[in-house]
Each structure stands twice: as C-alpha cells, then as structure tokens.
Amino acid sequence: GEILEVLEIAGNDLILTRTDPDGRRRSWSCNTHWVRVTDYDHGGPVPHYITLNGNGRQVEIGAFLSEDERPELYRDLRRRLAETRG
C-alpha cells in the first residue's frame, strides 16, 4: 500500500487530502491566510518533520518523503503560500 497526499489551493482555501494504505481518506482545510508551515528540523519524530497548522489543528505533510526531500517541500510550500497572500 501507498500513502497518497493531494494538496490543493482553491481560491482562499488550502485543502490537504490523505489516502492511507488501507484506503481510509482524511481531509483538512484552512484559509491560506491563516496556514502556517513548520519544519521541525530537529525534535520531531523524523528529521525535517513538516506540518501545516491552522483551524485549530496541526497536520503532517510529506511523511513518505526522504529526509532530503522534506526541506524542499517546506521551502516550496512557504513560497506558494506567500504567492497566494500577494
């Protein structure tokens, strides 16, 4: 089984949908203005543990990525969110 994550920016909403190996789907969304992206380079369950924060929740993103790929994801997410905020 594989983990599938789809991150979508639709208007002012950021939507993360995760499908687990067992087929279970979970979704989280937040207004792009309020989303915070955090890179726990140390102290997380894995190096460069990436989370999205907003709407009173914190969700992991990119769990299936390698240690080298997660910082790249973090930079890309921050850049894209900055673009949506103008």
N, C-alpha and C. Protein backbone atom coordinates (compact mmCIF):
# COMPACT_ATOMS: atom_id res chain seq x y z
N GLY A 1 0.82 -1.19 0.00
CA GLY A 1 0.00 0.00 0.00
C GLY A 1 0.86 1.24 0.00
N GLU A 2 0.28 2.29 -0.47
CA GLU A 2 0.95 3.58 -0.55
C GLU A 2 0.14 4.64 0.16
N ILE A 3 0.82 5.69 0.57
CA ILE A 3 0.16 6.89 1.08
C ILE A 3 0.08 7.87 -0.08
N LEU A 4 -1.08 8.46 -0.27
CA LEU A 4 -1.27 9.47 -1.31
C LEU A 4 -1.73 10.75 -0.65
N GLU A 5 -1.01 11.83 -0.88
CA GLU A 5 -1.40 13.14 -0.38
C GLU A 5 -1.64 14.06 -1.57
N VAL A 6 -2.75 14.77 -1.53
CA VAL A 6 -3.07 15.75 -2.55
C VAL A 6 -3.26 17.08 -1.84
N LEU A 7 -2.45 18.07 -2.21
CA LEU A 7 -2.54 19.40 -1.65
C LEU A 7 -3.05 20.32 -2.74
N GLU A 8 -4.12 21.02 -2.43
CA GLU A 8 -4.78 21.86 -3.42
C GLU A 8 -5.01 23.25 -2.84
N ILE A 9 -4.76 24.26 -3.65
CA ILE A 9 -5.12 25.62 -3.28
C ILE A 9 -6.26 26.02 -4.21
N ALA A 10 -7.42 26.24 -3.60
CA ALA A 10 -8.62 26.59 -4.35
C ALA A 10 -9.15 27.91 -3.82
N GLY A 11 -8.89 28.98 -4.56
CA GLY A 11 -9.27 30.30 -4.08
C GLY A 11 -8.48 30.62 -2.83
N ASN A 12 -9.19 30.87 -1.72
CA ASN A 12 -8.54 31.18 -0.44
C ASN A 12 -8.36 29.96 0.44
N ASP A 13 -8.67 28.79 -0.05
CA ASP A 13 -8.60 27.58 0.77
C ASP A 13 -7.45 26.69 0.36
N LEU A 14 -6.76 26.18 1.37
CA LEU A 14 -5.75 25.15 1.17
C LEU A 14 -6.37 23.86 1.69
N ILE A 15 -6.36 22.81 0.87
CA ILE A 15 -7.01 21.55 1.21
C ILE A 15 -5.99 20.42 1.06
N LEU A 16 -5.80 19.67 2.13
CA LEU A 16 -4.92 18.51 2.12
C LEU A 16 -5.79 17.26 2.29
N THR A 17 -5.71 16.36 1.33
CA THR A 17 -6.43 15.10 1.40
C THR A 17 -5.40 13.98 1.40
N ARG A 18 -5.51 13.10 2.38
CA ARG A 18 -4.56 12.00 2.54
C ARG A 18 -5.32 10.69 2.44
N THR A 19 -4.83 9.78 1.60
CA THR A 19 -5.37 8.44 1.50
C THR A 19 -4.31 7.49 2.04
N ASP A 20 -4.67 6.75 3.09
CA ASP A 20 -3.75 5.81 3.74
C ASP A 20 -3.70 4.49 2.97
N PRO A 21 -2.70 3.67 3.25
CA PRO A 21 -2.58 2.38 2.56
C PRO A 21 -3.83 1.50 2.68
N ASP A 22 -4.59 1.65 3.76
CA ASP A 22 -5.81 0.85 3.94
C ASP A 22 -7.02 1.46 3.23
N GLY A 23 -6.82 2.58 2.50
CA GLY A 23 -7.89 3.22 1.74
C GLY A 23 -8.63 4.30 2.51
N ARG A 24 -8.33 4.46 3.77
CA ARG A 24 -9.01 5.49 4.57
C ARG A 24 -8.57 6.87 4.09
N ARG A 25 -9.55 7.77 3.90
CA ARG A 25 -9.26 9.13 3.45
C ARG A 25 -9.54 10.12 4.57
N ARG A 26 -8.63 11.06 4.71
CA ARG A 26 -8.80 12.14 5.68
C ARG A 26 -8.54 13.45 4.97
N SER A 27 -9.24 14.49 5.39
CA SER A 27 -9.10 15.77 4.75
C SER A 27 -8.97 16.87 5.80
N TRP A 28 -8.20 17.88 5.48
CA TRP A 28 -8.01 19.05 6.35
C TRP A 28 -7.98 20.26 5.44
N SER A 29 -8.58 21.36 5.90
CA SER A 29 -8.55 22.58 5.10
C SER A 29 -8.44 23.79 6.01
N CYS A 30 -7.95 24.87 5.42
CA CYS A 30 -7.78 26.11 6.15
C CYS A 30 -7.68 27.25 5.14
N ASN A 31 -8.07 28.43 5.55
CA ASN A 31 -7.87 29.62 4.73
C ASN A 31 -6.37 29.85 4.59
N THR A 32 -5.91 30.10 3.37
CA THR A 32 -4.47 30.24 3.12
C THR A 32 -3.85 31.38 3.94
N HIS A 33 -4.63 32.36 4.29
CA HIS A 33 -4.10 33.48 5.08
C HIS A 33 -3.65 33.03 6.46
N TRP A 34 -4.30 32.00 7.01
CA TRP A 34 -4.03 31.56 8.38
C TRP A 34 -3.11 30.34 8.47
N VAL A 35 -2.79 29.70 7.37
CA VAL A 35 -1.96 28.49 7.40
C VAL A 35 -0.52 28.85 7.76
N ARG A 36 0.04 28.07 8.67
CA ARG A 36 1.46 28.16 9.00
C ARG A 36 2.13 26.84 8.62
N VAL A 37 3.29 26.94 8.00
CA VAL A 37 4.07 25.75 7.66
C VAL A 37 5.27 25.71 8.60
N THR A 38 5.49 24.56 9.23
CA THR A 38 6.58 24.43 10.19
C THR A 38 7.48 23.26 9.79
N ASP A 39 8.77 23.50 9.88
CA ASP A 39 9.78 22.46 9.66
C ASP A 39 10.47 22.20 11.00
N TYR A 40 10.17 21.06 11.60
CA TYR A 40 10.86 20.67 12.83
C TYR A 40 12.13 19.94 12.40
N ASP A 41 13.18 20.72 12.12
CA ASP A 41 14.40 20.10 11.62
C ASP A 41 15.01 19.15 12.63
N HIS A 42 14.81 19.42 13.91
CA HIS A 42 15.22 18.52 14.99
C HIS A 42 14.08 18.48 16.00
N GLY A 43 13.92 17.40 16.68
CA GLY A 43 12.92 17.33 17.74
C GLY A 43 11.59 16.74 17.31
N GLY A 44 11.40 16.51 16.02
CA GLY A 44 10.19 15.85 15.56
C GLY A 44 10.40 14.34 15.53
N PRO A 45 9.39 13.60 15.13
CA PRO A 45 9.53 12.15 15.06
C PRO A 45 10.57 11.70 14.03
N VAL A 46 10.78 12.55 13.01
CA VAL A 46 11.82 12.32 11.99
C VAL A 46 12.48 13.67 11.72
N PRO A 47 13.72 13.67 11.18
CA PRO A 47 14.33 14.95 10.82
C PRO A 47 13.50 15.66 9.75
N HIS A 48 13.35 16.95 9.92
CA HIS A 48 12.58 17.78 8.98
C HIS A 48 11.12 17.31 8.89
N TYR A 49 10.52 17.18 10.05
CA TYR A 49 9.09 16.84 10.16
C TYR A 49 8.31 18.09 9.77
N ILE A 50 7.52 18.00 8.70
CA ILE A 50 6.82 19.16 8.15
C ILE A 50 5.34 19.10 8.55
N THR A 51 4.83 20.23 9.06
CA THR A 51 3.42 20.30 9.43
C THR A 51 2.77 21.54 8.85
N LEU A 52 1.47 21.44 8.67
CA LEU A 52 0.61 22.57 8.35
C LEU A 52 -0.23 22.83 9.59
N ASN A 53 -0.38 24.10 9.94
CA ASN A 53 -1.11 24.48 11.14
C ASN A 53 -2.19 25.49 10.78
N GLY A 54 -3.38 25.29 11.31
CA GLY A 54 -4.48 26.22 11.10
C GLY A 54 -5.80 25.57 11.46
N ASN A 55 -6.81 26.39 11.65
CA ASN A 55 -8.13 25.88 12.02
C ASN A 55 -8.06 25.04 13.30
N GLY A 56 -7.14 25.39 14.19
CA GLY A 56 -7.02 24.68 15.46
C GLY A 56 -6.39 23.31 15.39
N ARG A 57 -5.78 22.99 14.25
CA ARG A 57 -5.17 21.67 14.09
C ARG A 57 -3.77 21.78 13.51
N GLN A 58 -3.00 20.76 13.74
CA GLN A 58 -1.68 20.61 13.12
C GLN A 58 -1.67 19.27 12.42
N VAL A 59 -1.33 19.26 11.13
CA VAL A 59 -1.32 18.02 10.36
C VAL A 59 0.04 17.85 9.69
N GLU A 60 0.50 16.62 9.64
CA GLU A 60 1.76 16.30 8.99
C GLU A 60 1.55 16.24 7.48
N ILE A 61 2.59 16.63 6.76
CA ILE A 61 2.57 16.50 5.31
C ILE A 61 3.94 15.97 4.86
N GLY A 62 3.94 15.11 3.87
CA GLY A 62 5.18 14.60 3.30
C GLY A 62 5.84 13.50 4.10
N ALA A 63 5.07 12.75 4.89
CA ALA A 63 5.65 11.69 5.72
C ALA A 63 6.40 10.65 4.90
N PHE A 64 5.98 10.46 3.68
CA PHE A 64 6.57 9.42 2.82
C PHE A 64 7.83 9.90 2.11
N LEU A 65 8.17 11.19 2.25
CA LEU A 65 9.34 11.73 1.57
C LEU A 65 10.62 11.39 2.34
N SER A 66 11.73 11.45 1.63
CA SER A 66 13.03 11.20 2.28
C SER A 66 13.43 12.43 3.10
N GLU A 67 14.42 12.24 3.94
CA GLU A 67 14.94 13.33 4.78
C GLU A 67 15.42 14.50 3.93
N ASP A 68 15.99 14.22 2.77
CA ASP A 68 16.47 15.28 1.87
C ASP A 68 15.35 15.99 1.14
N GLU A 69 14.24 15.31 0.90
CA GLU A 69 13.13 15.90 0.14
C GLU A 69 12.24 16.79 1.00
N ARG A 70 12.15 16.52 2.30
CA ARG A 70 11.24 17.29 3.15
C ARG A 70 11.60 18.78 3.25
N PRO A 71 12.89 19.18 3.37
CA PRO A 71 13.17 20.63 3.39
C PRO A 71 12.78 21.32 2.08
N GLU A 72 12.90 20.60 0.99
CA GLU A 72 12.49 21.14 -0.31
C GLU A 72 10.98 21.38 -0.33
N LEU A 73 10.22 20.44 0.21
CA LEU A 73 8.77 20.60 0.32
C LEU A 73 8.45 21.82 1.17
N TYR A 74 9.12 21.98 2.29
CA TYR A 74 8.90 23.12 3.20
C TYR A 74 9.10 24.44 2.45
N ARG A 75 10.22 24.57 1.74
CA ARG A 75 10.51 25.81 1.00
C ARG A 75 9.45 26.07 -0.06
N ASP A 76 9.03 25.02 -0.78
CA ASP A 76 8.03 25.17 -1.83
C ASP A 76 6.68 25.59 -1.25
N LEU A 77 6.28 24.98 -0.15
CA LEU A 77 5.01 25.35 0.49
C LEU A 77 5.02 26.81 0.95
N ARG A 78 6.10 27.23 1.58
CA ARG A 78 6.18 28.63 2.04
C ARG A 78 6.12 29.60 0.87
N ARG A 79 6.80 29.27 -0.21
CA ARG A 79 6.80 30.14 -1.39
C ARG A 79 5.40 30.24 -1.99
N ARG A 80 4.75 29.10 -2.14
CA ARG A 80 3.42 29.11 -2.75
C ARG A 80 2.39 29.82 -1.88
N LEU A 81 2.48 29.64 -0.56
CA LEU A 81 1.57 30.35 0.32
C LEU A 81 1.82 31.87 0.26
N ALA A 82 3.07 32.26 0.20
CA ALA A 82 3.38 33.70 0.07
C ALA A 82 2.80 34.27 -1.21
N GLU A 83 2.83 33.49 -2.30
CA GLU A 83 2.26 33.93 -3.57
C GLU A 83 0.75 34.12 -3.45
N THR A 84 0.07 33.24 -2.74
CA THR A 84 -1.40 33.36 -2.62
C THR A 84 -1.80 34.54 -1.76
N ARG A 85 -0.91 34.96 -0.88
CA ARG A 85 -1.21 36.09 0.01
C ARG A 85 -0.87 37.43 -0.62
N GLY A 86 -0.24 37.39 -1.79
CA GLY A 86 0.05 38.61 -2.52
C GLY A 86 1.28 39.24 -2.08
